[in-house]
């Protein structure tokens, strides 16, 4: 399964570990994805999905439908 949040679109980032001696090695930063059961009001049921903790905060505040609407508005 891809390590991508369906709500926020967060995905792994890449960069370098940098040691004290300034040696650089490649690494990945993974998004903080959690399996959650989310209530979807439009479907009147729970949906189990793997979402980022940032998306979880947004869903708690706006609800699932509001979070998806916000994502669509900012994607354009």
PDB file of N, CA and C in Angstrom:
ATOM      1  N   UNK A   1       0.836  -1.181   0.000  1.00  0.00           N
ATOM      2  CA  UNK A   1       0.000   0.000   0.000  1.00  0.00           C
ATOM      3  C   UNK A   1       0.881   1.245   0.000  1.00  0.00           C
ATOM      4  N   UNK A   2       0.487   2.234  -0.769  1.00  0.00           N
ATOM      5  CA  UNK A   2       1.262   3.468  -0.867  1.00  0.00           C
ATOM      6  C   UNK A   2       1.200   4.240   0.444  1.00  0.00           C
ATOM      7  N   UNK A   3       2.303   4.882   0.776  1.00  0.00           N
ATOM      8  CA  UNK A   3       2.362   5.685   1.995  1.00  0.00           C
ATOM      9  C   UNK A   3       1.947   7.113   1.669  1.00  0.00           C
ATOM     10  N   UNK A   4       0.677   7.270   1.254  1.00  0.00           N
ATOM     11  CA  UNK A   4       0.129   8.569   0.878  1.00  0.00           C
ATOM     12  C   UNK A   4      -1.195   8.752   1.595  1.00  0.00           C
ATOM     13  N   UNK A   5      -1.406   9.936   2.164  1.00  0.00           N
ATOM     14  CA  UNK A   5      -2.674  10.249   2.823  1.00  0.00           C
ATOM     15  C   UNK A   5      -3.693  10.666   1.765  1.00  0.00           C
ATOM     16  N   UNK A   6      -4.881  10.038   1.726  1.00  0.00           N
ATOM     17  CA  UNK A   6      -5.871  10.397   0.714  1.00  0.00           C
ATOM     18  C   UNK A   6      -6.515  11.762   0.956  1.00  0.00           C
ATOM     19  N   UNK A   7      -6.462  12.278   2.176  1.00  0.00           N
ATOM     20  CA  UNK A   7      -7.088  13.561   2.498  1.00  0.00           C
ATOM     21  C   UNK A   7      -6.139  14.720   2.215  1.00  0.00           C
ATOM     22  N   UNK A   8      -4.937  14.670   2.769  1.00  0.00           N
ATOM     23  CA  UNK A   8      -4.001  15.789   2.644  1.00  0.00           C
ATOM     24  C   UNK A   8      -3.037  15.634   1.484  1.00  0.00           C
ATOM     25  N   UNK A   9      -2.865  14.414   0.971  1.00  0.00           N
ATOM     26  CA  UNK A   9      -1.913  14.185  -0.103  1.00  0.00           C
ATOM     27  C   UNK A   9      -0.475  14.088   0.375  1.00  0.00           C
ATOM     28  N   UNK A  10      -0.273  14.033   1.702  1.00  0.00           N
ATOM     29  CA  UNK A  10       1.091  13.913   2.226  1.00  0.00           C
ATOM     30  C   UNK A  10       1.698  12.604   1.746  1.00  0.00           C
ATOM     31  N   UNK A  11       2.990  12.667   1.356  1.00  0.00           N
ATOM     32  CA  UNK A  11       3.706  11.496   0.873  1.00  0.00           C
ATOM     33  C   UNK A  11       5.122  11.543   1.406  1.00  0.00           C
ATOM     34  N   UNK A  12       5.887  10.459   1.298  1.00  0.00           N
ATOM     35  CA  UNK A  12       7.251  10.475   1.818  1.00  0.00           C
ATOM     36  C   UNK A  12       8.105  11.560   1.163  1.00  0.00           C
ATOM     37  N   UNK A  13       8.979  12.150   1.981  1.00  0.00           N
ATOM     38  CA  UNK A  13       9.947  13.134   1.490  1.00  0.00           C
ATOM     39  C   UNK A  13      11.325  12.496   1.551  1.00  0.00           C
ATOM     40  N   UNK A  14      12.242  12.990   0.730  1.00  0.00           N
ATOM     41  CA  UNK A  14      13.600  12.466   0.780  1.00  0.00           C
ATOM     42  C   UNK A  14      14.562  13.595   1.097  1.00  0.00           C
ATOM     43  N   UNK A  15      15.698  13.209   1.645  1.00  0.00           N
ATOM     44  CA  UNK A  15      16.712  14.190   2.007  1.00  0.00           C
ATOM     45  C   UNK A  15      17.949  13.479   2.507  1.00  0.00           C
ATOM     46  N   UNK A  16      18.717  14.163   3.324  1.00  0.00           N
ATOM     47  CA  UNK A  16      19.966  13.616   3.830  1.00  0.00           C
ATOM     48  C   UNK A  16      19.981  13.580   5.348  1.00  0.00           C
ATOM     49  N   UNK A  17      20.576  12.510   5.904  1.00  0.00           N
ATOM     50  CA  UNK A  17      21.058  12.555   7.277  1.00  0.00           C
ATOM     51  C   UNK A  17      22.406  13.253   7.211  1.00  0.00           C
ATOM     52  N   UNK A  18      22.668  14.151   8.142  1.00  0.00           N
ATOM     53  CA  UNK A  18      23.950  14.854   8.152  1.00  0.00           C
ATOM     54  C   UNK A  18      24.602  14.614   9.500  1.00  0.00           C
ATOM     55  N   UNK A  19      25.775  13.983   9.485  1.00  0.00           N
ATOM     56  CA  UNK A  19      26.489  13.682  10.723  1.00  0.00           C
ATOM     57  C   UNK A  19      27.246  14.915  11.209  1.00  0.00           C
ATOM     58  N   UNK A  20      27.820  14.791  12.389  1.00  0.00           N
ATOM     59  CA  UNK A  20      28.612  15.878  12.963  1.00  0.00           C
ATOM     60  C   UNK A  20      29.811  16.193  12.067  1.00  0.00           C
ATOM     61  N   UNK A  21      30.330  15.166  11.384  1.00  0.00           N
ATOM     62  CA  UNK A  21      31.456  15.349  10.462  1.00  0.00           C
ATOM     63  C   UNK A  21      30.993  15.804   9.076  1.00  0.00           C
ATOM     64  N   UNK A  22      29.698  16.128   8.961  1.00  0.00           N
ATOM     65  CA  UNK A  22      29.096  16.631   7.723  1.00  0.00           C
ATOM     66  C   UNK A  22      29.065  15.578   6.612  1.00  0.00           C
ATOM     67  N   UNK A  23      29.055  14.277   7.005  1.00  0.00           N
ATOM     68  CA  UNK A  23      28.842  13.205   6.030  1.00  0.00           C
ATOM     69  C   UNK A  23      27.350  13.116   5.752  1.00  0.00           C
ATOM     70  N   UNK A  24      26.993  12.956   4.491  1.00  0.00           N
ATOM     71  CA  UNK A  24      25.580  12.930   4.120  1.00  0.00           C
ATOM     72  C   UNK A  24      25.205  11.551   3.585  1.00  0.00           C
ATOM     73  N   UNK A  25      24.104  11.014   4.081  1.00  0.00           N
ATOM     74  CA  UNK A  25      23.553   9.762   3.572  1.00  0.00           C
ATOM     75  C   UNK A  25      22.074   9.983   3.299  1.00  0.00           C
ATOM     76  N   UNK A  26      21.579   9.378   2.224  1.00  0.00           N
ATOM     77  CA  UNK A  26      20.182   9.572   1.824  1.00  0.00           C
ATOM     78  C   UNK A  26      19.242   8.888   2.807  1.00  0.00           C
ATOM     79  N   UNK A  27      18.080   9.490   2.991  1.00  0.00           N
ATOM     80  CA  UNK A  27      17.058   8.902   3.845  1.00  0.00           C
ATOM     81  C   UNK A  27      15.685   9.387   3.402  1.00  0.00           C
ATOM     82  N   UNK A  28      14.650   8.764   3.972  1.00  0.00           N
ATOM     83  CA  UNK A  28      13.268   9.154   3.684  1.00  0.00           C
ATOM     84  C   UNK A  28      12.572   9.537   4.971  1.00  0.00           C
ATOM     85  N   UNK A  29      11.742  10.569   4.909  1.00  0.00           N
ATOM     86  CA  UNK A  29      10.855  10.924   6.014  1.00  0.00           C
ATOM     87  C   UNK A  29       9.467  10.442   5.630  1.00  0.00           C
ATOM     88  N   UNK A  30       8.942   9.521   6.428  1.00  0.00           N
ATOM     89  CA  UNK A  30       7.623   8.956   6.151  1.00  0.00           C
ATOM     90  C   UNK A  30       6.544   9.815   6.810  1.00  0.00           C
ATOM     91  N   UNK A  31       5.383   9.955   6.167  1.00  0.00           N
ATOM     92  CA  UNK A  31       4.285  10.667   6.819  1.00  0.00           C
ATOM     93  C   UNK A  31       3.748   9.828   7.977  1.00  0.00           C
ATOM     94  N   UNK A  32       3.203  10.491   8.975  1.00  0.00           N
ATOM     95  CA  UNK A  32       2.671   9.805  10.155  1.00  0.00           C
ATOM     96  C   UNK A  32       1.260   9.317   9.834  1.00  0.00           C
ATOM     97  N   UNK A  33       1.161   8.132   9.229  1.00  0.00           N
ATOM     98  CA  UNK A  33      -0.131   7.577   8.821  1.00  0.00           C
ATOM     99  C   UNK A  33      -0.652   6.617   9.881  1.00  0.00           C
ATOM    100  N   UNK A  34      -1.948   6.710  10.149  1.00  0.00           N
ATOM    101  CA  UNK A  34      -2.606   5.875  11.146  1.00  0.00           C
ATOM    102  C   UNK A  34      -3.867   5.276  10.529  1.00  0.00           C
ATOM    103  N   UNK A  35      -4.146   4.026  10.866  1.00  0.00           N
ATOM    104  CA  UNK A  35      -5.418   3.417  10.460  1.00  0.00           C
ATOM    105  C   UNK A  35      -6.510   3.951  11.374  1.00  0.00           C
ATOM    106  N   UNK A  36      -7.566   4.531  10.795  1.00  0.00           N
ATOM    107  CA  UNK A  36      -8.669   5.086  11.581  1.00  0.00           C
ATOM    108  C   UNK A  36      -9.991   4.727  10.923  1.00  0.00           C
ATOM    109  N   UNK A  37     -10.998   4.589  11.775  1.00  0.00           N
ATOM    110  CA  UNK A  37     -12.367   4.399  11.310  1.00  0.00           C
ATOM    111  C   UNK A  37     -13.011   5.778  11.318  1.00  0.00           C
ATOM    112  N   UNK A  38     -13.401   6.258  10.155  1.00  0.00           N
ATOM    113  CA  UNK A  38     -13.910   7.620  10.017  1.00  0.00           C
ATOM    114  C   UNK A  38     -15.384   7.561   9.639  1.00  0.00           C
ATOM    115  N   UNK A  39     -16.213   8.372  10.315  1.00  0.00           N
ATOM    116  CA  UNK A  39     -17.632   8.439   9.987  1.00  0.00           C
ATOM    117  C   UNK A  39     -17.809   9.336   8.767  1.00  0.00           C
ATOM    118  N   UNK A  40     -18.427   8.774   7.710  1.00  0.00           N
ATOM    119  CA  UNK A  40     -18.706   9.533   6.489  1.00  0.00           C
ATOM    120  C   UNK A  40     -20.199   9.819   6.479  1.00  0.00           C
ATOM    121  N   UNK A  41     -20.554  11.084   6.711  1.00  0.00           N
ATOM    122  CA  UNK A  41     -21.962  11.467   6.856  1.00  0.00           C
ATOM    123  C   UNK A  41     -22.739  11.252   5.563  1.00  0.00           C
ATOM    124  N   UNK A  42     -22.124  11.519   4.421  1.00  0.00           N
ATOM    125  CA  UNK A  42     -22.835  11.387   3.148  1.00  0.00           C
ATOM    126  C   UNK A  42     -23.218   9.934   2.855  1.00  0.00           C
ATOM    127  N   UNK A  43     -22.425   8.982   3.341  1.00  0.00           N
ATOM    128  CA  UNK A  43     -22.719   7.565   3.123  1.00  0.00           C
ATOM    129  C   UNK A  43     -23.399   6.923   4.326  1.00  0.00           C
ATOM    130  N   UNK A  44     -23.444   7.648   5.447  1.00  0.00           N
ATOM    131  CA  UNK A  44     -24.058   7.173   6.689  1.00  0.00           C
ATOM    132  C   UNK A  44     -23.423   5.869   7.172  1.00  0.00           C
ATOM    133  N   UNK A  45     -22.086   5.791   7.119  1.00  0.00           N
ATOM    134  CA  UNK A  45     -21.387   4.603   7.586  1.00  0.00           C
ATOM    135  C   UNK A  45     -19.942   4.960   7.927  1.00  0.00           C
ATOM    136  N   UNK A  46     -19.279   4.038   8.625  1.00  0.00           N
ATOM    137  CA  UNK A  46     -17.863   4.185   8.930  1.00  0.00           C
ATOM    138  C   UNK A  46     -17.030   3.633   7.780  1.00  0.00           C
ATOM    139  N   UNK A  47     -15.900   4.279   7.527  1.00  0.00           N
ATOM    140  CA  UNK A  47     -14.951   3.825   6.516  1.00  0.00           C
ATOM    141  C   UNK A  47     -13.591   3.744   7.190  1.00  0.00           C
ATOM    142  N   UNK A  48     -12.911   2.614   7.035  1.00  0.00           N
ATOM    143  CA  UNK A  48     -11.583   2.442   7.619  1.00  0.00           C
ATOM    144  C   UNK A  48     -10.567   2.924   6.600  1.00  0.00           C
ATOM    145  N   UNK A  49      -9.739   3.870   6.998  1.00  0.00           N
ATOM    146  CA  UNK A  49      -8.764   4.426   6.061  1.00  0.00           C
ATOM    147  C   UNK A  49      -7.469   4.765   6.772  1.00  0.00           C
ATOM    148  N   UNK A  50      -6.414   4.857   5.990  1.00  0.00           N
ATOM    149  CA  UNK A  50      -5.090   5.178   6.514  1.00  0.00           C
ATOM    150  C   UNK A  50      -4.833   6.652   6.241  1.00  0.00           C
ATOM    151  N   UNK A  51      -4.923   7.483   7.285  1.00  0.00           N
ATOM    152  CA  UNK A  51      -4.816   8.928   7.118  1.00  0.00           C
ATOM    153  C   UNK A  51      -3.701   9.480   7.989  1.00  0.00           C
ATOM    154  N   UNK A  52      -3.197  10.648   7.607  1.00  0.00           N
ATOM    155  CA  UNK A  52      -2.153  11.303   8.394  1.00  0.00           C
ATOM    156  C   UNK A  52      -2.777  11.921   9.642  1.00  0.00           C
ATOM    157  N   UNK A  53      -1.956  12.183  10.631  1.00  0.00           N
ATOM    158  CA  UNK A  53      -2.457  12.781  11.865  1.00  0.00           C
ATOM    159  C   UNK A  53      -2.942  14.203  11.614  1.00  0.00           C
ATOM    160  N   UNK A  54      -2.374  14.895  10.646  1.00  0.00           N
ATOM    161  CA  UNK A  54      -2.864  16.227  10.262  1.00  0.00           C
ATOM    162  C   UNK A  54      -4.274  16.114   9.697  1.00  0.00           C
ATOM    163  N   UNK A  55      -4.525  15.096   8.868  1.00  0.00           N
ATOM    164  CA  UNK A  55      -5.857  14.877   8.310  1.00  0.00           C
ATOM    165  C   UNK A  55      -6.842  14.519   9.413  1.00  0.00           C
ATOM    166  N   UNK A  56      -6.389  13.777  10.412  1.00  0.00           N
ATOM    167  CA  UNK A  56      -7.254  13.411  11.529  1.00  0.00           C
ATOM    168  C   UNK A  56      -7.719  14.656  12.276  1.00  0.00           C
ATOM    169  N   UNK A  57      -6.817  15.622  12.465  1.00  0.00           N
ATOM    170  CA  UNK A  57      -7.187  16.886  13.116  1.00  0.00           C
ATOM    171  C   UNK A  57      -8.206  17.649  12.273  1.00  0.00           C
ATOM    172  N   UNK A  58      -8.001  17.654  10.953  1.00  0.00           N
ATOM    173  CA  UNK A  58      -8.915  18.355  10.054  1.00  0.00           C
ATOM    174  C   UNK A  58     -10.282  17.689  10.060  1.00  0.00           C
ATOM    175  N   UNK A  59     -10.316  16.355  10.048  1.00  0.00           N
ATOM    176  CA  UNK A  59     -11.585  15.624  10.075  1.00  0.00           C
ATOM    177  C   UNK A  59     -12.307  15.860  11.393  1.00  0.00           C
ATOM    178  N   UNK A  60     -11.562  15.911  12.495  1.00  0.00           N
ATOM    179  CA  UNK A  60     -12.173  16.182  13.796  1.00  0.00           C
ATOM    180  C   UNK A  60     -12.829  17.558  13.796  1.00  0.00           C
ATOM    181  N   UNK A  61     -12.201  18.518  13.142  1.00  0.00           N
ATOM    182  CA  UNK A  61     -12.708  19.888  13.121  1.00  0.00           C
ATOM    183  C   UNK A  61     -13.847  20.076  12.122  1.00  0.00           C
ATOM    184  N   UNK A  62     -13.675  19.587  10.878  1.00  0.00           N
ATOM    185  CA  UNK A  62     -14.618  19.865   9.795  1.00  0.00           C
ATOM    186  C   UNK A  62     -15.520  18.698   9.431  1.00  0.00           C
ATOM    187  N   UNK A  63     -15.188  17.489   9.889  1.00  0.00           N
ATOM    188  CA  UNK A  63     -15.884  16.297   9.431  1.00  0.00           C
ATOM    189  C   UNK A  63     -15.245  15.801   8.145  1.00  0.00           C
ATOM    190  N   UNK A  64     -15.529  14.560   7.782  1.00  0.00           N
ATOM    191  CA  UNK A  64     -14.898  13.970   6.596  1.00  0.00           C
ATOM    192  C   UNK A  64     -15.258  14.741   5.331  1.00  0.00           C
ATOM    193  N   UNK A  65     -16.550  15.019   5.143  1.00  0.00           N
ATOM    194  CA  UNK A  65     -16.986  15.702   3.924  1.00  0.00           C
ATOM    195  C   UNK A  65     -16.389  17.102   3.826  1.00  0.00           C
ATOM    196  N   UNK A  66     -16.288  17.798   4.955  1.00  0.00           N
ATOM    197  CA  UNK A  66     -15.676  19.127   4.966  1.00  0.00           C
ATOM    198  C   UNK A  66     -14.197  19.076   4.645  1.00  0.00           C
ATOM    199  N   UNK A  67     -13.507  18.044   5.150  1.00  0.00           N
ATOM    200  CA  UNK A  67     -12.071  17.898   4.885  1.00  0.00           C
ATOM    201  C   UNK A  67     -11.822  17.610   3.408  1.00  0.00           C
ATOM    202  N   UNK A  68     -12.671  16.769   2.809  1.00  0.00           N
ATOM    203  CA  UNK A  68     -12.523  16.462   1.383  1.00  0.00           C
ATOM    204  C   UNK A  68     -12.827  17.705   0.545  1.00  0.00           C
ATOM    205  N   UNK A  69     -13.842  18.477   0.940  1.00  0.00           N
ATOM    206  CA  UNK A  69     -14.176  19.707   0.218  1.00  0.00           C
ATOM    207  C   UNK A  69     -13.029  20.708   0.298  1.00  0.00           C
ATOM    208  N   UNK A  70     -12.388  20.794   1.469  1.00  0.00           N
ATOM    209  CA  UNK A  70     -11.249  21.701   1.635  1.00  0.00           C
ATOM    210  C   UNK A  70     -10.093  21.272   0.739  1.00  0.00           C
ATOM    211  N   UNK A  71      -9.843  19.976   0.651  1.00  0.00           N
ATOM    212  CA  UNK A  71      -8.765  19.444  -0.201  1.00  0.00           C
ATOM    213  C   UNK A  71      -9.035  19.766  -1.662  1.00  0.00           C
ATOM    214  N   UNK A  72     -10.286  19.605  -2.088  1.00  0.00           N
ATOM    215  CA  UNK A  72     -10.631  19.897  -3.483  1.00  0.00           C
ATOM    216  C   UNK A  72     -10.483  21.386  -3.785  1.00  0.00           C
ATOM    217  N   UNK A  73     -10.840  22.240  -2.825  1.00  0.00           N
ATOM    218  CA  UNK A  73     -10.757  23.689  -3.030  1.00  0.00           C
ATOM    219  C   UNK A  73      -9.308  24.146  -3.157  1.00  0.00           C
ATOM    220  N   UNK A  74      -8.399  23.549  -2.379  1.00  0.00           N
ATOM    221  CA  UNK A  74      -6.999  23.968  -2.426  1.00  0.00           C
ATOM    222  C   UNK A  74      -6.239  23.300  -3.570  1.00  0.00           C
ATOM    223  N   UNK A  75      -6.765  22.215  -4.119  1.00  0.00           N
ATOM    224  CA  UNK A  75      -6.079  21.502  -5.197  1.00  0.00           C
ATOM    225  C   UNK A  75      -6.174  22.257  -6.518  1.00  0.00           C
ATOM    226  N   UNK A  76      -7.165  23.106  -6.649  1.00  0.00           N
ATOM    227  CA  UNK A  76      -7.360  23.827  -7.918  1.00  0.00           C
ATOM    228  C   UNK A  76      -6.455  25.015  -8.040  1.00  0.00           C
TER     229      UNK A  76
END
